Amino acid sequence: MSDAAAPSPAPCPICGKPRAPQFRPFCSKRCADVDLNRWLKGVYAVPVTETDDEDGEKVEDQPGRDRP
């Protein structure tokens, strides 16, 4: 059988350097802290489209939607 090369682990998602096991998936505490700060600031927020108001009722006037 041929020896298949093990896939190299993905680099640090912040700076691209090789990962360090103690800071997985990052290379250092600094990069882990940068990522945490991005989460706390809302940089990684997922955009949503609201279809219900705060009471759970359907919103009547939604721009861009055709009415029957």
C-alpha atoms as a PDB file:
ATOM      1  CA  MET A   1       0.000   0.000   0.000  1.00  0.00           C
ATOM      2  CA  SER A   2       1.149   3.534  -0.557  1.00  0.00           C
ATOM      3  CA  ASP A   3       1.608   5.827   2.388  1.00  0.00           C
ATOM      4  CA  ALA A   4      -0.929   8.598   2.081  1.00  0.00           C
ATOM      5  CA  ALA A   5       0.349  11.871   3.413  1.00  0.00           C
ATOM      6  CA  ALA A   6      -1.709  13.031   6.355  1.00  0.00           C
ATOM      7  CA  PRO A   7      -3.510  16.252   5.547  1.00  0.00           C
ATOM      8  CA  SER A   8      -1.822  19.202   7.160  1.00  0.00           C
ATOM      9  CA  PRO A   9      -3.956  20.949   9.755  1.00  0.00           C
ATOM     10  CA  ALA A  10      -5.583  24.181   8.698  1.00  0.00           C
ATOM     11  CA  PRO A  11      -3.657  27.312   9.650  1.00  0.00           C
ATOM     12  CA  CYS A  12      -4.722  29.789  12.307  1.00  0.00           C
ATOM     13  CA  PRO A  13      -7.926  31.467  11.053  1.00  0.00           C
ATOM     14  CA  ILE A  14      -6.732  34.890  12.259  1.00  0.00           C
ATOM     15  CA  CYS A  15      -3.110  35.179  11.043  1.00  0.00           C
ATOM     16  CA  GLY A  16      -2.451  32.060   8.953  1.00  0.00           C
ATOM     17  CA  LYS A  17       0.442  30.720  11.069  1.00  0.00           C
ATOM     18  CA  PRO A  18       0.549  27.009  12.042  1.00  0.00           C
ATOM     19  CA  ARG A  19      -1.791  26.052  14.875  1.00  0.00           C
ATOM     20  CA  ALA A  20      -0.587  25.424  18.426  1.00  0.00           C
ATOM     21  CA  PRO A  21      -2.263  22.508  20.242  1.00  0.00           C
ATOM     22  CA  GLN A  22      -2.803  24.473  23.468  1.00  0.00           C
ATOM     23  CA  PHE A  23      -4.626  27.286  21.602  1.00  0.00           C
ATOM     24  CA  ARG A  24      -6.458  25.128  19.031  1.00  0.00           C
ATOM     25  CA  PRO A  25      -7.638  26.255  16.452  1.00  0.00           C
ATOM     26  CA  PHE A  26      -5.429  29.316  16.890  1.00  0.00           C
ATOM     27  CA  CYS A  27      -1.650  29.735  17.008  1.00  0.00           C
ATOM     28  CA  SER A  28      -1.497  31.861  20.161  1.00  0.00           C
ATOM     29  CA  LYS A  29      -3.501  33.383  22.973  1.00  0.00           C
ATOM     30  CA  ARG A  30      -3.362  36.692  21.114  1.00  0.00           C
ATOM     31  CA  CYS A  31      -5.180  35.272  18.074  1.00  0.00           C
ATOM     32  CA  ALA A  32      -7.724  33.561  20.343  1.00  0.00           C
ATOM     33  CA  ASP A  33      -8.361  36.914  22.052  1.00  0.00           C
ATOM     34  CA  VAL A  34      -8.701  38.699  18.693  1.00  0.00           C
ATOM     35  CA  ASP A  35     -11.352  36.157  17.674  1.00  0.00           C
ATOM     36  CA  LEU A  36     -13.191  36.516  21.001  1.00  0.00           C
ATOM     37  CA  ASN A  37     -13.195  40.299  20.596  1.00  0.00           C
ATOM     38  CA  ARG A  38     -14.687  39.937  17.110  1.00  0.00           C
ATOM     39  CA  TRP A  39     -17.498  37.783  18.511  1.00  0.00           C
ATOM     40  CA  LEU A  40     -18.184  40.221  21.351  1.00  0.00           C
ATOM     41  CA  LYS A  41     -18.283  43.223  18.992  1.00  0.00           C
ATOM     42  CA  GLY A  42     -20.732  41.447  16.669  1.00  0.00           C
ATOM     43  CA  VAL A  43     -18.390  41.225  13.674  1.00  0.00           C
ATOM     44  CA  TYR A  44     -19.512  37.618  13.178  1.00  0.00           C
ATOM     45  CA  ALA A  45     -23.228  38.439  13.401  1.00  0.00           C
ATOM     46  CA  VAL A  46     -25.581  36.477  11.153  1.00  0.00           C
ATOM     47  CA  PRO A  47     -27.936  38.724   9.152  1.00  0.00           C
ATOM     48  CA  VAL A  48     -31.630  37.963   9.640  1.00  0.00           C
ATOM     49  CA  THR A  49     -34.880  39.097   8.091  1.00  0.00           C
ATOM     50  CA  GLU A  50     -37.597  39.641  10.635  1.00  0.00           C
ATOM     51  CA  THR A  51     -41.011  38.309   9.614  1.00  0.00           C
ATOM     52  CA  ASP A  52     -42.641  38.570  13.039  1.00  0.00           C
ATOM     53  CA  ASP A  53     -42.812  41.552  15.343  1.00  0.00           C
ATOM     54  CA  GLU A  54     -41.877  41.363  19.029  1.00  0.00           C
ATOM     55  CA  ASP A  55     -45.314  39.919  19.953  1.00  0.00           C
ATOM     56  CA  GLY A  56     -45.031  37.086  17.438  1.00  0.00           C
ATOM     57  CA  GLU A  57     -47.570  38.609  15.038  1.00  0.00           C
ATOM     58  CA  LYS A  58     -46.881  38.894  11.332  1.00  0.00           C
ATOM     59  CA  VAL A  59     -45.539  42.254  10.208  1.00  0.00           C
ATOM     60  CA  GLU A  60     -48.096  43.893   7.902  1.00  0.00           C
ATOM     61  CA  ASP A  61     -45.953  46.227   5.815  1.00  0.00           C
ATOM     62  CA  GLN A  62     -42.782  44.546   4.561  1.00  0.00           C
ATOM     63  CA  PRO A  63     -40.919  46.351   1.819  1.00  0.00           C
ATOM     64  CA  GLY A  64     -40.087  44.229  -1.203  1.00  0.00           C
ATOM     65  CA  ARG A  65     -42.846  41.677  -0.695  1.00  0.00           C
ATOM     66  CA  ASP A  66     -45.780  41.402  -3.064  1.00  0.00           C
ATOM     67  CA  ARG A  67     -49.231  41.370  -1.555  1.00  0.00           C
ATOM     68  CA  PRO A  68     -51.894  38.994  -2.881  1.00  0.00           C
END
